């Protein structure tokens, strides 16, 4: 991606659970913050201050994962196999016992999206398909 001044910004675009994100280097993020007038360094929070937010995210992720897996008709073992993660790991994630790293979330999202696509009808009926089906029944 190129800025107004022609400077190229290296970034990575990802989508997780239907939400698009852009990953940029921290130095680029800091420069963008300065340009819009945000403080150069955000206050650092201790691990204990972040714990409630992590717990909420962990519970939210677990709930979404269980719901989507069930809707796709997959067992924990099958989703784990498709995603290339250990079933025990998926079980801990779904129970909210652990927060997965980005690579694990990505594997799960890719496997879940593929399973959901498999569940969709492969072909929507069109008039020509209807006529062909009607002819084959006669």
Protein backbone atom coordinates (compact mmCIF):
# COMPACT_ATOMS: atom_id res chain seq x y z
CA UNK A 1 0.00 0.00 0.00
CA UNK A 2 1.43 3.42 -0.96
CA UNK A 3 0.85 6.66 0.93
CA UNK A 4 0.34 10.18 -0.48
CA UNK A 5 4.06 10.80 -0.48
CA UNK A 6 4.71 7.57 -2.42
CA UNK A 7 6.11 5.80 0.61
CA UNK A 8 5.18 2.14 0.66
CA UNK A 9 3.64 0.70 3.83
CA UNK A 10 4.14 -3.03 4.21
CA UNK A 11 1.05 -4.61 5.70
CA UNK A 12 -0.84 -7.86 5.86
CA UNK A 13 -4.61 -8.10 5.56
CA UNK A 14 -6.41 -10.88 7.39
CA UNK A 15 -10.01 -11.80 8.06
CA UNK A 16 -11.11 -13.52 11.23
CA UNK A 17 -14.73 -14.41 11.86
CA UNK A 18 -15.89 -11.97 9.18
CA UNK A 19 -13.89 -9.04 10.55
CA UNK A 20 -11.06 -7.64 8.44
CA UNK A 21 -7.82 -6.50 10.09
CA UNK A 22 -4.62 -4.92 8.81
CA UNK A 23 -1.35 -5.87 10.46
CA UNK A 24 1.42 -3.27 10.21
CA UNK A 25 4.82 -2.86 11.84
CA UNK A 26 4.75 -1.16 15.20
CA UNK A 27 6.92 1.70 13.88
CA UNK A 28 4.33 2.37 11.16
CA UNK A 29 1.54 2.28 13.72
CA UNK A 30 3.44 4.73 15.95
CA UNK A 31 3.98 7.10 12.99
CA UNK A 32 0.28 6.97 12.09
CA UNK A 33 -0.65 7.72 15.70
CA UNK A 34 1.66 10.76 15.72
CA UNK A 35 0.12 11.99 12.45
CA UNK A 36 -3.37 12.00 13.95
CA UNK A 37 -2.23 13.52 17.23
CA UNK A 38 -2.36 10.51 19.54
CA UNK A 39 0.25 10.29 22.30
CA UNK A 40 3.51 8.78 21.13
CA UNK A 41 3.39 6.04 23.70
CA UNK A 42 0.20 4.63 25.05
CA UNK A 43 0.12 3.84 28.74
CA UNK A 44 1.36 0.36 29.53
CA UNK A 45 -1.01 -1.80 31.51
CA UNK A 46 0.14 -4.59 33.74
CA UNK A 47 -0.89 -8.16 33.02
CA UNK A 48 -3.39 -8.07 35.88
CA UNK A 49 -5.13 -5.02 34.36
CA UNK A 50 -5.56 -6.85 31.04
CA UNK A 51 -6.82 -10.10 32.58
CA UNK A 52 -10.56 -9.20 32.53
CA UNK A 53 -10.36 -8.25 28.83
CA UNK A 54 -8.55 -11.50 27.99
CA UNK A 55 -11.13 -13.50 29.92
CA UNK A 56 -13.95 -11.79 28.01
CA UNK A 57 -12.23 -12.40 24.67
CA UNK A 58 -11.51 -16.01 25.61
CA UNK A 59 -15.15 -16.62 26.56
CA UNK A 60 -16.42 -14.88 23.43
CA UNK A 61 -14.08 -16.87 21.20
CA UNK A 62 -15.07 -20.12 22.90
CA UNK A 63 -18.78 -19.39 22.51
CA UNK A 64 -18.45 -18.48 18.82
CA UNK A 65 -16.30 -21.50 18.09
CA UNK A 66 -18.71 -23.94 19.75
CA UNK A 67 -21.70 -22.35 17.98
CA UNK A 68 -20.10 -22.40 14.52
CA UNK A 69 -18.72 -25.91 14.96
CA UNK A 70 -22.15 -27.19 15.96
CA UNK A 71 -23.86 -25.42 13.04
CA UNK A 72 -21.35 -27.00 10.66
CA UNK A 73 -22.10 -30.43 12.16
CA UNK A 74 -18.52 -31.09 13.21
CA UNK A 75 -17.30 -32.86 16.32
CA UNK A 76 -14.38 -31.42 18.23
CA UNK A 77 -12.20 -34.25 16.94
CA UNK A 78 -13.17 -33.58 13.31
CA UNK A 79 -12.56 -29.82 13.53
CA UNK A 80 -9.24 -30.43 15.28
CA UNK A 81 -8.21 -32.88 12.54
CA UNK A 82 -9.21 -30.47 9.75
CA UNK A 83 -7.41 -27.57 11.43
CA UNK A 84 -4.30 -29.57 12.26
CA UNK A 85 -4.50 -28.93 16.01
CA UNK A 86 -4.63 -31.40 18.87
CA UNK A 87 -8.15 -32.29 20.05
CA UNK A 88 -7.07 -31.50 23.62
CA UNK A 89 -6.07 -28.00 22.52
CA UNK A 90 -9.42 -27.38 20.84
CA UNK A 91 -11.21 -28.69 23.93
CA UNK A 92 -9.33 -26.25 26.19
CA UNK A 93 -10.07 -23.36 23.80
CA UNK A 94 -13.79 -24.19 23.67
CA UNK A 95 -13.97 -24.44 27.47
CA UNK A 96 -12.27 -21.05 27.76
CA UNK A 97 -9.29 -22.56 29.57
CA UNK A 98 -6.71 -21.16 27.15
CA UNK A 99 -6.36 -18.39 24.61
CA UNK A 100 -4.99 -19.65 21.29
CA UNK A 101 -2.24 -17.86 19.44
CA UNK A 102 -2.92 -16.16 16.11
CA UNK A 103 -1.70 -19.16 14.04
CA UNK A 104 -4.11 -21.53 15.83
CA UNK A 105 -7.05 -19.15 15.43
CA UNK A 106 -6.23 -18.84 11.74
CA UNK A 107 -6.14 -22.64 11.29
CA UNK A 108 -9.48 -22.99 13.06
CA UNK A 109 -11.11 -20.22 11.02
CA UNK A 110 -9.88 -21.68 7.73
CA UNK A 111 -11.10 -25.17 8.67
CA UNK A 112 -14.44 -23.82 9.89
CA UNK A 113 -14.99 -21.75 6.74
CA UNK A 114 -14.23 -24.79 4.57
CA UNK A 115 -16.67 -26.95 6.56
CA UNK A 116 -19.39 -24.30 6.27
CA UNK A 117 -18.84 -24.06 2.51
CA UNK A 118 -19.14 -27.84 2.22
CA UNK A 119 -22.53 -27.66 3.91
CA UNK A 120 -23.86 -25.17 1.37
CA UNK A 121 -25.67 -26.51 -1.69
CA UNK A 122 -23.21 -26.90 -4.55
CA UNK A 123 -25.56 -25.61 -7.21
CA UNK A 124 -28.63 -23.44 -7.05
CA UNK A 125 -31.48 -24.65 -9.24
CA UNK A 126 -31.91 -22.73 -12.48
CA UNK A 127 -34.57 -23.05 -15.13
CA UNK A 128 -32.28 -25.21 -17.30
CA UNK A 129 -31.56 -27.52 -14.35
CA UNK A 130 -35.29 -27.77 -13.62
CA UNK A 131 -36.04 -28.65 -17.24
CA UNK A 132 -33.25 -31.26 -17.27
CA UNK A 133 -34.58 -32.78 -14.03
CA UNK A 134 -38.12 -32.80 -15.39
CA UNK A 135 -36.97 -34.58 -18.58
CA UNK A 136 -34.98 -37.16 -16.63
CA UNK A 137 -38.04 -38.00 -14.50
CA UNK A 138 -40.25 -38.74 -17.58
